[in-house]
Amino acid sequence: MPRYLDLLPALATGKEEVFRLALEGKARPVMLINIAILGTLFGLSNLIGVIGQAGSEALTGRMLLLLSLLLILYGIFTMFAVLFGLTLIYWAAAKAFGGPGGLVLVLELIGLATLPFWLFAPLLNYAIRFRPDDGAVMSIFLVPLLLSFVWSFVLIKKSMVVGQGLSEGKATLAVACMWIFSVSAIYVFSP
């Protein structure tokens, strides 16, 4: 298996060989690294928000270190749970459009397609949780959020084509259904 850093360009562009790793049962280490990085970035977005609210002088030394570790662990667990939920939605969409499904395979395919979420999740988290009424922040984050959304759509679609054997058209419809359901669910469960 290639080194992780050597795989980054292929992960970013959704090369077929990356998703073939899941079919060959070699994707788990890469998936876990991706989820750990995603969770760390998500946790750091929480840390930046907390420091912005509490002030940097209120959090120093051991308190800052402990808070950093807790928020990073929280981020990793949160992102794993979110990706597991997305895995269930992906699995249902793949099965509905004629793919074989396979929950572990789907989890690995989702884990390989997480690079866009490295940008999307922390930015969206920070904007919604810590600056919800700041129009300037949302206007600055809007373009990166939209680009990472489109990027994630493309990567997940490629993962369905390679990993589930769907045609381009079926994969596009399946991913569109996934996103519509996901956004609807978020809207329903958001306070």
C-alpha atoms as a PDB file:
ATOM      1  CA  MET A   1       0.000   0.000   0.000  1.00  0.00           C
ATOM      2  CA  PRO A   2       1.361   3.460  -0.864  1.00  0.00           C
ATOM      3  CA  ARG A   3       2.302   5.926   1.842  1.00  0.00           C
ATOM      4  CA  TYR A   4      -0.441   8.283   2.980  1.00  0.00           C
ATOM      5  CA  LEU A   5       1.252  11.459   1.754  1.00  0.00           C
ATOM      6  CA  ASP A   6       1.743   9.880  -1.668  1.00  0.00           C
ATOM      7  CA  LEU A   7      -2.005   9.199  -1.799  1.00  0.00           C
ATOM      8  CA  LEU A   8      -3.093  12.756  -0.980  1.00  0.00           C
ATOM      9  CA  PRO A   9      -3.223  14.028  -4.577  1.00  0.00           C
ATOM     10  CA  ALA A  10      -5.229  10.969  -5.629  1.00  0.00           C
ATOM     11  CA  LEU A  11      -7.528  11.376  -2.608  1.00  0.00           C
ATOM     12  CA  ALA A  12      -8.094  15.028  -3.481  1.00  0.00           C
ATOM     13  CA  THR A  13      -8.974  14.292  -7.095  1.00  0.00           C
ATOM     14  CA  GLY A  14     -10.841  11.038  -6.524  1.00  0.00           C
ATOM     15  CA  LYS A  15      -8.638   8.830  -8.676  1.00  0.00           C
ATOM     16  CA  GLU A  16     -10.029   5.387  -9.339  1.00  0.00           C
ATOM     17  CA  GLU A  17      -7.066   3.651  -7.682  1.00  0.00           C
ATOM     18  CA  VAL A  18      -7.942   5.263  -4.344  1.00  0.00           C
ATOM     19  CA  PHE A  19     -11.442   3.803  -4.284  1.00  0.00           C
ATOM     20  CA  ARG A  20     -10.084   0.471  -5.501  1.00  0.00           C
ATOM     21  CA  LEU A  21      -8.228   0.290  -2.160  1.00  0.00           C
ATOM     22  CA  ALA A  22     -11.625  -0.151  -0.496  1.00  0.00           C
ATOM     23  CA  LEU A  23     -12.560  -2.927  -2.913  1.00  0.00           C
ATOM     24  CA  GLU A  24      -9.244  -4.645  -2.150  1.00  0.00           C
ATOM     25  CA  GLY A  25      -9.706  -4.284   1.627  1.00  0.00           C
ATOM     26  CA  LYS A  26      -6.694  -1.949   1.976  1.00  0.00           C
ATOM     27  CA  ALA A  27      -8.455   1.320   2.753  1.00  0.00           C
ATOM     28  CA  ARG A  28      -8.969   1.124   6.503  1.00  0.00           C
ATOM     29  CA  PRO A  29      -5.713   2.857   7.588  1.00  0.00           C
ATOM     30  CA  VAL A  30      -6.272   5.676   5.098  1.00  0.00           C
ATOM     31  CA  MET A  31      -9.911   6.020   6.186  1.00  0.00           C
ATOM     32  CA  LEU A  32      -8.929   6.223   9.864  1.00  0.00           C
ATOM     33  CA  ILE A  33      -6.238   8.837   9.183  1.00  0.00           C
ATOM     34  CA  ASN A  34      -8.742  10.902   7.171  1.00  0.00           C
ATOM     35  CA  ILE A  35     -11.322  10.743   9.951  1.00  0.00           C
ATOM     36  CA  ALA A  36      -8.707  11.633  12.586  1.00  0.00           C
ATOM     37  CA  ILE A  37      -7.596  14.663  10.550  1.00  0.00           C
ATOM     38  CA  LEU A  38     -11.202  15.710   9.932  1.00  0.00           C
ATOM     39  CA  GLY A  39     -12.068  15.360  13.616  1.00  0.00           C
ATOM     40  CA  THR A  40      -8.955  17.267  14.657  1.00  0.00           C
ATOM     41  CA  LEU A  41      -9.806  20.142  12.316  1.00  0.00           C
ATOM     42  CA  PHE A  42     -13.392  20.132  13.575  1.00  0.00           C
ATOM     43  CA  GLY A  43     -12.141  20.192  17.172  1.00  0.00           C
ATOM     44  CA  LEU A  44      -9.754  23.042  16.382  1.00  0.00           C
ATOM     45  CA  SER A  45     -12.630  25.065  14.918  1.00  0.00           C
ATOM     46  CA  ASN A  46     -14.374  24.632  18.280  1.00  0.00           C
ATOM     47  CA  LEU A  47     -11.199  25.666  20.094  1.00  0.00           C
ATOM     48  CA  ILE A  48     -10.853  28.818  17.994  1.00  0.00           C
ATOM     49  CA  GLY A  49     -14.485  29.662  18.684  1.00  0.00           C
ATOM     50  CA  VAL A  50     -14.153  29.090  22.434  1.00  0.00           C
ATOM     51  CA  ILE A  51     -10.988  31.188  22.609  1.00  0.00           C
ATOM     52  CA  GLY A  52     -12.751  33.918  20.647  1.00  0.00           C
ATOM     53  CA  GLN A  53     -15.616  33.918  23.137  1.00  0.00           C
ATOM     54  CA  ALA A  54     -13.635  33.478  26.355  1.00  0.00           C
ATOM     55  CA  GLY A  55     -10.594  35.525  25.393  1.00  0.00           C
ATOM     56  CA  SER A  56      -7.087  34.153  25.079  1.00  0.00           C
ATOM     57  CA  GLU A  57      -6.074  35.457  28.514  1.00  0.00           C
ATOM     58  CA  ALA A  58      -8.798  33.348  30.204  1.00  0.00           C
ATOM     59  CA  LEU A  59      -7.386  30.114  28.762  1.00  0.00           C
ATOM     60  CA  THR A  60      -3.711  29.590  29.440  1.00  0.00           C
ATOM     61  CA  GLY A  61      -1.303  26.810  30.279  1.00  0.00           C
ATOM     62  CA  ARG A  62      -2.743  23.511  31.369  1.00  0.00           C
ATOM     63  CA  MET A  63      -6.320  24.670  30.922  1.00  0.00           C
ATOM     64  CA  LEU A  64      -5.675  25.489  27.271  1.00  0.00           C
ATOM     65  CA  LEU A  65      -3.883  22.171  26.719  1.00  0.00           C
ATOM     66  CA  LEU A  66      -6.660  20.177  28.388  1.00  0.00           C
ATOM     67  CA  LEU A  67      -9.373  22.047  26.516  1.00  0.00           C
ATOM     68  CA  SER A  68      -7.513  21.518  23.225  1.00  0.00           C
ATOM     69  CA  LEU A  69      -7.233  17.777  23.800  1.00  0.00           C
ATOM     70  CA  LEU A  70     -10.871  17.464  24.855  1.00  0.00           C
ATOM     71  CA  LEU A  71     -12.154  19.424  21.885  1.00  0.00           C
ATOM     72  CA  ILE A  72     -10.003  17.451  19.454  1.00  0.00           C
ATOM     73  CA  LEU A  73     -11.259  14.158  20.918  1.00  0.00           C
ATOM     74  CA  TYR A  74     -14.800  15.507  20.784  1.00  0.00           C
ATOM     75  CA  GLY A  75     -14.213  16.441  17.141  1.00  0.00           C
ATOM     76  CA  ILE A  76     -12.910  12.989  16.224  1.00  0.00           C
ATOM     77  CA  PHE A  77     -15.843  11.201  17.884  1.00  0.00           C
ATOM     78  CA  THR A  78     -18.336  13.657  16.426  1.00  0.00           C
ATOM     79  CA  MET A  79     -16.985  13.331  12.898  1.00  0.00           C
ATOM     80  CA  PHE A  80     -16.887   9.544  13.145  1.00  0.00           C
ATOM     81  CA  ALA A  81     -20.548   9.565  14.214  1.00  0.00           C
ATOM     82  CA  VAL A  82     -21.483  11.986  11.423  1.00  0.00           C
ATOM     83  CA  LEU A  83     -19.620   9.925   8.829  1.00  0.00           C
ATOM     84  CA  PHE A  84     -21.285   6.764  10.102  1.00  0.00           C
ATOM     85  CA  GLY A  85     -24.652   8.461   9.595  1.00  0.00           C
ATOM     86  CA  LEU A  86     -23.576   9.518   6.106  1.00  0.00           C
ATOM     87  CA  THR A  87     -22.459   5.916   5.536  1.00  0.00           C
ATOM     88  CA  LEU A  88     -25.968   4.669   6.289  1.00  0.00           C
ATOM     89  CA  ILE A  89     -27.454   7.192   3.861  1.00  0.00           C
ATOM     90  CA  TYR A  90     -24.845   6.281   1.213  1.00  0.00           C
ATOM     91  CA  TRP A  91     -25.554   2.575   1.742  1.00  0.00           C
ATOM     92  CA  ALA A  92     -29.294   3.106   1.260  1.00  0.00           C
ATOM     93  CA  ALA A  93     -28.759   5.225  -1.856  1.00  0.00           C
ATOM     94  CA  ALA A  94     -26.281   2.737  -3.328  1.00  0.00           C
ATOM     95  CA  LYS A  95     -28.671  -0.176  -2.728  1.00  0.00           C
ATOM     96  CA  ALA A  96     -31.612   1.805  -4.114  1.00  0.00           C
ATOM     97  CA  PHE A  97     -29.748   2.458  -7.377  1.00  0.00           C
ATOM     98  CA  GLY A  98     -28.521  -1.111  -7.820  1.00  0.00           C
ATOM     99  CA  GLY A  99     -25.175  -1.164  -6.035  1.00  0.00           C
ATOM    100  CA  PRO A 100     -24.111  -4.031  -3.771  1.00  0.00           C
ATOM    101  CA  GLY A 101     -23.951  -1.845  -0.647  1.00  0.00           C
ATOM    102  CA  GLY A 102     -21.792  -3.551   1.948  1.00  0.00           C
ATOM    103  CA  LEU A 103     -21.658  -1.437   5.096  1.00  0.00           C
ATOM    104  CA  VAL A 104     -17.907  -1.805   5.757  1.00  0.00           C
ATOM    105  CA  LEU A 105     -17.123  -1.134   2.090  1.00  0.00           C
ATOM    106  CA  VAL A 106     -19.336   1.957   2.139  1.00  0.00           C
ATOM    107  CA  LEU A 107     -17.724   3.240   5.359  1.00  0.00           C
ATOM    108  CA  GLU A 108     -14.304   2.891   3.751  1.00  0.00           C
ATOM    109  CA  LEU A 109     -15.481   4.608   0.547  1.00  0.00           C
ATOM    110  CA  ILE A 110     -16.877   7.506   2.588  1.00  0.00           C
ATOM    111  CA  GLY A 111     -13.653   7.638   4.608  1.00  0.00           C
ATOM    112  CA  LEU A 112     -11.658   7.929   1.389  1.00  0.00           C
ATOM    113  CA  ALA A 113     -13.844  10.803   0.168  1.00  0.00           C
ATOM    114  CA  THR A 114     -13.507  13.000   3.271  1.00  0.00           C
ATOM    115  CA  LEU A 115     -10.950  15.550   2.062  1.00  0.00           C
ATOM    116  CA  PRO A 116     -13.574  18.161   1.095  1.00  0.00           C
ATOM    117  CA  PHE A 117     -15.009  17.869   4.589  1.00  0.00           C
ATOM    118  CA  TRP A 118     -11.648  18.970   6.031  1.00  0.00           C
ATOM    119  CA  LEU A 119     -12.653  22.423   4.830  1.00  0.00           C
ATOM    120  CA  PHE A 120     -16.442  22.147   4.913  1.00  0.00           C
ATOM    121  CA  ALA A 121     -17.025  20.841   8.464  1.00  0.00           C
ATOM    122  CA  PRO A 122     -14.760  23.235  10.433  1.00  0.00           C
ATOM    123  CA  LEU A 123     -15.887  26.323   8.502  1.00  0.00           C
ATOM    124  CA  LEU A 124     -19.569  25.473   8.786  1.00  0.00           C
ATOM    125  CA  ASN A 125     -19.175  24.560  12.467  1.00  0.00           C
ATOM    126  CA  TYR A 126     -17.418  27.832  13.290  1.00  0.00           C
ATOM    127  CA  ALA A 127     -19.881  29.956  11.344  1.00  0.00           C
ATOM    128  CA  ILE A 128     -22.993  28.317  12.794  1.00  0.00           C
ATOM    129  CA  ARG A 129     -21.867  27.775  16.393  1.00  0.00           C
ATOM    130  CA  PHE A 130     -19.741  30.811  17.084  1.00  0.00           C
ATOM    131  CA  ARG A 131     -20.696  33.510  14.556  1.00  0.00           C
ATOM    132  CA  PRO A 132     -24.322  32.796  13.562  1.00  0.00           C
ATOM    133  CA  ASP A 133     -25.325  36.459  13.336  1.00  0.00           C
ATOM    134  CA  ASP A 134     -22.168  37.694  11.634  1.00  0.00           C
ATOM    135  CA  GLY A 135     -22.982  38.219   7.964  1.00  0.00           C
ATOM    136  CA  ALA A 136     -19.364  39.072   7.162  1.00  0.00           C
ATOM    137  CA  VAL A 137     -18.162  35.658   8.340  1.00  0.00           C
ATOM    138  CA  MET A 138     -20.826  33.861   6.311  1.00  0.00           C
ATOM    139  CA  SER A 139     -20.043  35.914   3.217  1.00  0.00           C
ATOM    140  CA  ILE A 140     -16.322  35.118   3.579  1.00  0.00           C
ATOM    141  CA  PHE A 141     -17.030  31.410   4.170  1.00  0.00           C
ATOM    142  CA  LEU A 142     -19.713  31.082   1.481  1.00  0.00           C
ATOM    143  CA  VAL A 143     -17.413  30.464  -1.493  1.00  0.00           C
ATOM    144  CA  PRO A 144     -15.161  27.895   0.287  1.00  0.00           C
ATOM    145  CA  LEU A 145     -18.267  26.141   1.633  1.00  0.00           C
ATOM    146  CA  LEU A 146     -19.875  25.954  -1.808  1.00  0.00           C
ATOM    147  CA  LEU A 147     -16.662  24.779  -3.457  1.00  0.00           C
ATOM    148  CA  SER A 148     -16.084  22.092  -0.831  1.00  0.00           C
ATOM    149  CA  PHE A 149     -19.725  20.997  -1.191  1.00  0.00           C
ATOM    150  CA  VAL A 150     -19.291  20.569  -4.967  1.00  0.00           C
ATOM    151  CA  TRP A 151     -15.926  18.859  -4.409  1.00  0.00           C
ATOM    152  CA  SER A 152     -17.512  16.405  -1.961  1.00  0.00           C
ATOM    153  CA  PHE A 153     -20.335  15.709  -4.423  1.00  0.00           C
ATOM    154  CA  VAL A 154     -17.797  14.842  -7.126  1.00  0.00           C
ATOM    155  CA  LEU A 155     -15.689  12.599  -4.868  1.00  0.00           C
ATOM    156  CA  ILE A 156     -18.653  10.725  -3.420  1.00  0.00           C
ATOM    157  CA  LYS A 157     -20.046  10.236  -6.925  1.00  0.00           C
ATOM    158  CA  LYS A 158     -16.691   8.812  -8.068  1.00  0.00           C
ATOM    159  CA  SER A 159     -16.659   6.506  -5.060  1.00  0.00           C
ATOM    160  CA  MET A 160     -20.082   5.193  -6.077  1.00  0.00           C
ATOM    161  CA  VAL A 161     -18.996   4.625  -9.664  1.00  0.00           C
ATOM    162  CA  VAL A 162     -15.853   2.719  -8.660  1.00  0.00           C
ATOM    163  CA  GLY A 163     -16.892   1.160  -5.355  1.00  0.00           C
ATOM    164  CA  GLN A 164     -20.519   0.341  -6.113  1.00  0.00           C
ATOM    165  CA  GLY A 165     -20.318  -0.169  -9.872  1.00  0.00           C
ATOM    166  CA  LEU A 166     -23.006   2.410 -10.639  1.00  0.00           C
ATOM    167  CA  SER A 167     -23.155   4.295 -13.916  1.00  0.00           C
ATOM    168  CA  GLU A 168     -22.304   8.012 -13.865  1.00  0.00           C
ATOM    169  CA  GLY A 169     -26.001   8.918 -14.169  1.00  0.00           C
ATOM    170  CA  LYS A 170     -27.160   6.612 -11.372  1.00  0.00           C
ATOM    171  CA  ALA A 171     -24.290   7.716  -9.152  1.00  0.00           C
ATOM    172  CA  THR A 172     -25.191  11.370  -9.732  1.00  0.00           C
ATOM    173  CA  LEU A 173     -28.823  10.706  -8.805  1.00  0.00           C
ATOM    174  CA  ALA A 174     -27.824   8.644  -5.783  1.00  0.00           C
ATOM    175  CA  VAL A 175     -25.503  11.359  -4.433  1.00  0.00           C
ATOM    176  CA  ALA A 176     -28.139  14.037  -5.103  1.00  0.00           C
ATOM    177  CA  CYS A 177     -30.639  11.962  -3.100  1.00  0.00           C
ATOM    178  CA  MET A 178     -28.069  11.553  -0.321  1.00  0.00           C
ATOM    179  CA  TRP A 179     -27.482  15.295  -0.081  1.00  0.00           C
ATOM    180  CA  ILE A 180     -31.171  16.165  -0.246  1.00  0.00           C
ATOM    181  CA  PHE A 181     -31.926  13.686   2.541  1.00  0.00           C
ATOM    182  CA  SER A 182     -28.921  14.839   4.617  1.00  0.00           C
ATOM    183  CA  VAL A 183     -29.740  18.527   4.350  1.00  0.00           C
ATOM    184  CA  SER A 184     -33.408  17.802   5.097  1.00  0.00           C
ATOM    185  CA  ALA A 185     -32.476  15.767   8.162  1.00  0.00           C
ATOM    186  CA  ILE A 186     -30.162  18.512   9.411  1.00  0.00           C
ATOM    187  CA  TYR A 187     -32.906  21.070   8.918  1.00  0.00           C
ATOM    188  CA  VAL A 188     -35.456  18.954  10.797  1.00  0.00           C
ATOM    189  CA  PHE A 189     -33.174  18.181  13.739  1.00  0.00           C
ATOM    190  CA  SER A 190     -31.582  21.642  14.040  1.00  0.00           C
ATOM    191  CA  PRO A 191     -32.965  23.840  16.801  1.00  0.00           C
END
